[in-house]
């Protein structure tokens, strides 16, 4: 659904999404990298289990929550990717200690 511009010449970085290596561009927010990856990067809500995707991409809606480097409930749209970053798609409610 999403395709990167061929004019985007920023260096690539490698992130890991649920253990799978994914190429991203330096400076991408985590949510943009997930959408561009083509992976099924939907989180599920805690109450109904409904699938959610990043929506507003500016930190208002909280539909982009992910676990980043072991820290849960991070807004993926506000966090730029770094090389080697470990990202987990949140399924349901937050676990204690994450």
N, C-alpha and C. Protein backbone atom coordinates (compact mmCIF):
# COMPACT_ATOMS: atom_id res chain seq x y z
N UNK A 1 0.82 -1.20 0.00
CA UNK A 1 0.00 0.00 0.00
C UNK A 1 0.87 1.26 0.00
N UNK A 2 1.97 1.23 0.75
CA UNK A 2 2.85 2.39 0.82
C UNK A 2 4.11 2.09 0.04
N UNK A 3 4.63 3.07 -0.65
CA UNK A 3 5.85 2.90 -1.43
C UNK A 3 6.75 4.10 -1.18
N UNK A 4 8.01 3.82 -1.00
CA UNK A 4 8.97 4.90 -0.79
C UNK A 4 9.24 5.63 -2.09
N UNK A 5 9.49 6.91 -1.98
CA UNK A 5 9.88 7.71 -3.14
C UNK A 5 11.27 7.28 -3.60
N UNK A 6 11.44 7.16 -4.88
CA UNK A 6 12.76 6.81 -5.41
C UNK A 6 13.75 7.94 -5.23
N UNK A 7 13.27 9.12 -4.90
CA UNK A 7 14.15 10.27 -4.66
C UNK A 7 14.70 10.29 -3.23
N UNK A 8 14.18 9.41 -2.38
CA UNK A 8 14.64 9.35 -0.99
C UNK A 8 16.00 8.68 -0.94
N UNK A 9 17.04 9.45 -0.75
CA UNK A 9 18.42 8.95 -0.76
C UNK A 9 19.02 8.84 0.64
N UNK A 10 18.18 8.92 1.67
CA UNK A 10 18.72 8.80 3.02
C UNK A 10 19.31 7.40 3.23
N UNK A 11 20.32 7.29 4.08
CA UNK A 11 20.93 5.98 4.33
C UNK A 11 19.93 5.01 4.97
N UNK A 12 20.12 3.73 4.65
CA UNK A 12 19.27 2.71 5.26
C UNK A 12 19.82 2.32 6.63
N UNK A 13 18.91 1.96 7.51
CA UNK A 13 19.26 1.36 8.79
C UNK A 13 18.47 0.06 8.89
N UNK A 14 18.92 -0.83 9.77
CA UNK A 14 18.22 -2.10 9.95
C UNK A 14 17.57 -2.11 11.32
N UNK A 15 16.28 -2.38 11.33
CA UNK A 15 15.53 -2.53 12.57
C UNK A 15 14.99 -3.95 12.60
N UNK A 16 14.53 -4.38 13.75
CA UNK A 16 13.98 -5.72 13.90
C UNK A 16 12.56 -5.60 14.43
N UNK A 17 11.62 -6.16 13.68
CA UNK A 17 10.20 -6.11 14.04
C UNK A 17 9.77 -7.53 14.37
N UNK A 18 9.45 -7.76 15.64
CA UNK A 18 9.13 -9.10 16.12
C UNK A 18 10.18 -10.11 15.66
N UNK A 19 11.45 -9.68 15.72
CA UNK A 19 12.57 -10.55 15.39
C UNK A 19 12.94 -10.63 13.92
N UNK A 20 12.17 -9.99 13.05
CA UNK A 20 12.43 -10.01 11.61
C UNK A 20 13.18 -8.74 11.22
N UNK A 21 14.30 -8.90 10.52
CA UNK A 21 15.07 -7.73 10.07
C UNK A 21 14.29 -6.98 8.99
N UNK A 22 14.23 -5.66 9.14
CA UNK A 22 13.51 -4.79 8.22
C UNK A 22 14.39 -3.59 7.89
N UNK A 23 14.43 -3.22 6.62
CA UNK A 23 15.17 -2.03 6.21
C UNK A 23 14.30 -0.81 6.41
N UNK A 24 14.89 0.22 6.99
CA UNK A 24 14.20 1.51 7.18
C UNK A 24 15.17 2.60 6.72
N UNK A 25 14.69 3.81 6.68
CA UNK A 25 15.55 4.94 6.31
C UNK A 25 15.87 5.76 7.55
N UNK A 26 17.09 6.22 7.62
CA UNK A 26 17.51 7.06 8.73
C UNK A 26 16.56 8.24 8.83
N UNK A 27 16.04 8.48 10.04
CA UNK A 27 15.12 9.59 10.27
C UNK A 27 13.66 9.21 10.19
N UNK A 28 13.34 8.00 9.70
CA UNK A 28 11.95 7.55 9.67
C UNK A 28 11.40 7.43 11.08
N UNK A 29 10.17 7.86 11.32
CA UNK A 29 9.53 7.46 12.56
C UNK A 29 9.26 5.96 12.50
N UNK A 30 9.24 5.29 13.64
CA UNK A 30 8.99 3.85 13.68
C UNK A 30 7.72 3.50 12.91
N UNK A 31 6.64 4.24 13.10
CA UNK A 31 5.37 3.93 12.43
C UNK A 31 5.49 3.99 10.91
N UNK A 32 6.20 4.97 10.39
CA UNK A 32 6.39 5.08 8.95
C UNK A 32 7.21 3.91 8.43
N UNK A 33 8.23 3.50 9.18
CA UNK A 33 9.04 2.36 8.78
C UNK A 33 8.20 1.08 8.76
N UNK A 34 7.31 0.93 9.75
CA UNK A 34 6.44 -0.25 9.79
C UNK A 34 5.49 -0.26 8.60
N UNK A 35 4.88 0.87 8.31
CA UNK A 35 3.96 0.94 7.18
C UNK A 35 4.68 0.66 5.86
N UNK A 36 5.89 1.18 5.71
CA UNK A 36 6.64 0.99 4.47
C UNK A 36 7.20 -0.42 4.34
N UNK A 37 7.29 -1.15 5.45
CA UNK A 37 7.91 -2.47 5.44
C UNK A 37 7.06 -3.52 4.71
N UNK A 38 5.77 -3.29 4.64
CA UNK A 38 4.88 -4.29 4.06
C UNK A 38 4.49 -5.39 5.03
N UNK A 39 5.04 -5.36 6.25
CA UNK A 39 4.66 -6.35 7.25
C UNK A 39 3.27 -6.04 7.79
N UNK A 40 2.62 -7.06 8.31
CA UNK A 40 1.34 -6.85 8.98
C UNK A 40 1.65 -6.27 10.36
N UNK A 41 1.72 -4.97 10.44
CA UNK A 41 2.18 -4.28 11.65
C UNK A 41 1.03 -3.72 12.45
N UNK A 42 -0.07 -4.45 12.51
CA UNK A 42 -1.23 -3.97 13.27
C UNK A 42 -1.11 -4.39 14.71
N UNK A 43 -1.37 -3.46 15.59
CA UNK A 43 -1.48 -3.82 17.01
C UNK A 43 -2.93 -4.20 17.26
N UNK A 44 -3.21 -4.77 18.41
CA UNK A 44 -4.60 -5.06 18.76
C UNK A 44 -4.93 -4.36 20.07
N UNK A 45 -6.17 -3.93 20.17
CA UNK A 45 -6.59 -3.19 21.36
C UNK A 45 -6.74 -4.13 22.55
N UNK A 46 -6.61 -3.56 23.74
CA UNK A 46 -6.67 -4.36 24.97
C UNK A 46 -8.06 -4.88 25.26
N UNK A 47 -9.10 -4.15 24.94
CA UNK A 47 -10.45 -4.53 25.33
C UNK A 47 -11.08 -5.50 24.32
N UNK A 48 -11.14 -5.10 23.06
CA UNK A 48 -11.86 -5.93 22.08
C UNK A 48 -10.94 -6.75 21.18
N UNK A 49 -9.65 -6.45 21.19
CA UNK A 49 -8.73 -7.14 20.29
C UNK A 49 -8.81 -6.64 18.86
N UNK A 50 -9.49 -5.51 18.64
CA UNK A 50 -9.64 -4.95 17.30
C UNK A 50 -8.29 -4.53 16.74
N UNK A 51 -8.04 -4.79 15.45
CA UNK A 51 -6.76 -4.39 14.86
C UNK A 51 -6.70 -2.87 14.65
N UNK A 52 -5.52 -2.31 14.85
CA UNK A 52 -5.31 -0.87 14.70
C UNK A 52 -4.03 -0.63 13.91
N UNK A 53 -4.03 0.42 13.12
CA UNK A 53 -2.84 0.87 12.38
C UNK A 53 -2.55 2.31 12.78
N UNK A 54 -1.31 2.77 12.57
CA UNK A 54 -1.03 4.19 12.80
C UNK A 54 -2.02 5.04 12.00
N UNK A 55 -2.52 6.08 12.64
CA UNK A 55 -3.57 6.89 12.01
C UNK A 55 -3.13 8.33 11.80
N UNK A 56 -2.89 9.05 12.89
CA UNK A 56 -2.65 10.50 12.76
C UNK A 56 -1.20 10.82 12.44
N UNK A 57 -0.28 9.97 12.84
CA UNK A 57 1.17 10.15 12.63
C UNK A 57 1.72 11.43 13.28
N UNK A 58 1.04 11.92 14.32
CA UNK A 58 1.56 13.10 15.02
C UNK A 58 1.35 13.04 16.53
N UNK A 59 1.09 11.85 17.07
CA UNK A 59 1.04 11.69 18.52
C UNK A 59 -0.27 11.97 19.20
N UNK A 60 -1.35 12.07 18.45
CA UNK A 60 -2.64 12.41 19.05
C UNK A 60 -3.49 11.17 19.34
N UNK A 61 -3.50 10.19 18.43
CA UNK A 61 -4.50 9.11 18.50
C UNK A 61 -4.06 7.87 19.28
N UNK A 62 -2.79 7.62 19.49
CA UNK A 62 -2.26 6.47 20.21
C UNK A 62 -2.53 5.13 19.53
N UNK A 63 -2.82 5.14 18.24
CA UNK A 63 -3.04 3.89 17.51
C UNK A 63 -1.74 3.24 17.05
N UNK A 64 -0.62 3.86 17.33
CA UNK A 64 0.68 3.36 16.85
C UNK A 64 1.52 2.78 17.98
N UNK A 65 0.91 2.44 19.10
CA UNK A 65 1.69 1.98 20.25
C UNK A 65 2.45 0.69 19.95
N UNK A 66 3.73 0.68 20.28
CA UNK A 66 4.60 -0.47 20.09
C UNK A 66 5.54 -0.57 21.29
N UNK A 67 6.21 -1.70 21.40
CA UNK A 67 7.27 -1.86 22.38
C UNK A 67 8.59 -1.63 21.64
N UNK A 68 9.39 -0.69 22.13
CA UNK A 68 10.66 -0.34 21.49
C UNK A 68 11.79 -0.59 22.48
N UNK A 69 12.70 -1.47 22.08
CA UNK A 69 13.84 -1.83 22.92
C UNK A 69 13.41 -2.17 24.35
N UNK A 70 12.31 -2.94 24.45
CA UNK A 70 11.84 -3.43 25.73
C UNK A 70 10.94 -2.48 26.51
N UNK A 71 10.69 -1.28 26.00
CA UNK A 71 9.84 -0.31 26.69
C UNK A 71 8.49 -0.26 25.97
N UNK A 72 7.43 -0.65 26.66
CA UNK A 72 6.11 -0.73 26.06
C UNK A 72 5.39 0.60 25.98
N UNK A 73 4.29 0.60 25.21
CA UNK A 73 3.40 1.75 25.06
C UNK A 73 4.11 2.98 24.52
N UNK A 74 5.06 2.79 23.63
CA UNK A 74 5.73 3.92 22.98
C UNK A 74 4.95 4.30 21.74
N UNK A 75 4.81 5.58 21.49
CA UNK A 75 4.13 6.05 20.28
C UNK A 75 5.12 5.99 19.13
N UNK A 76 4.91 5.03 18.25
CA UNK A 76 5.83 4.81 17.14
C UNK A 76 5.95 5.98 16.19
N UNK A 77 4.93 6.81 16.14
CA UNK A 77 4.97 7.95 15.22
C UNK A 77 5.90 9.06 15.71
N UNK A 78 6.31 9.00 16.98
CA UNK A 78 7.13 10.06 17.56
C UNK A 78 8.59 9.65 17.78
N UNK A 79 8.90 8.38 17.54
CA UNK A 79 10.24 7.88 17.82
C UNK A 79 10.96 7.57 16.51
N UNK A 80 12.10 8.24 16.24
CA UNK A 80 12.85 7.93 15.01
C UNK A 80 13.58 6.59 15.16
N UNK A 81 13.68 5.86 14.06
CA UNK A 81 14.37 4.57 14.08
C UNK A 81 15.86 4.78 14.30
N UNK A 82 16.48 3.80 14.92
CA UNK A 82 17.94 3.75 15.04
C UNK A 82 18.38 2.36 14.61
N UNK A 83 19.59 2.27 14.12
CA UNK A 83 20.10 1.00 13.63
C UNK A 83 20.11 -0.02 14.76
N UNK A 84 19.53 -1.20 14.49
CA UNK A 84 19.49 -2.27 15.48
C UNK A 84 18.31 -2.22 16.43
N UNK A 85 17.45 -1.22 16.29
CA UNK A 85 16.29 -1.06 17.17
C UNK A 85 15.42 -2.32 17.15
N UNK A 86 14.98 -2.73 18.33
CA UNK A 86 14.10 -3.89 18.47
C UNK A 86 12.67 -3.40 18.72
N UNK A 87 11.76 -3.78 17.83
CA UNK A 87 10.37 -3.33 17.92
C UNK A 87 9.46 -4.54 18.02
N UNK A 88 8.51 -4.49 18.94
CA UNK A 88 7.51 -5.55 19.06
C UNK A 88 6.14 -4.92 18.87
N UNK A 89 5.32 -5.57 18.06
CA UNK A 89 3.95 -5.10 17.86
C UNK A 89 3.15 -5.48 19.10
N UNK A 90 2.47 -4.52 19.70
CA UNK A 90 1.70 -4.80 20.91
C UNK A 90 0.42 -5.53 20.56
N UNK A 91 0.20 -6.63 21.24
CA UNK A 91 -1.02 -7.41 21.08
C UNK A 91 -1.77 -7.36 22.40
N UNK A 92 -2.85 -6.60 22.42
CA UNK A 92 -3.64 -6.50 23.65
C UNK A 92 -3.04 -5.55 24.66
N UNK A 93 -3.31 -5.83 25.94
CA UNK A 93 -2.88 -4.90 26.98
C UNK A 93 -1.39 -4.99 27.26
N UNK A 94 -0.89 -3.96 27.88
CA UNK A 94 0.54 -3.87 28.22
C UNK A 94 0.86 -4.90 29.30
N UNK A 95 2.03 -5.51 29.17
CA UNK A 95 2.49 -6.45 30.18
C UNK A 95 3.21 -5.71 31.29
N UNK A 96 3.08 -6.22 32.52
CA UNK A 96 3.78 -5.62 33.65
C UNK A 96 5.28 -5.67 33.38
N UNK A 97 5.98 -4.58 33.62
CA UNK A 97 7.42 -4.52 33.46
C UNK A 97 7.87 -4.13 32.07
N UNK A 98 6.93 -3.87 31.18
CA UNK A 98 7.30 -3.44 29.82
C UNK A 98 6.85 -2.03 29.60
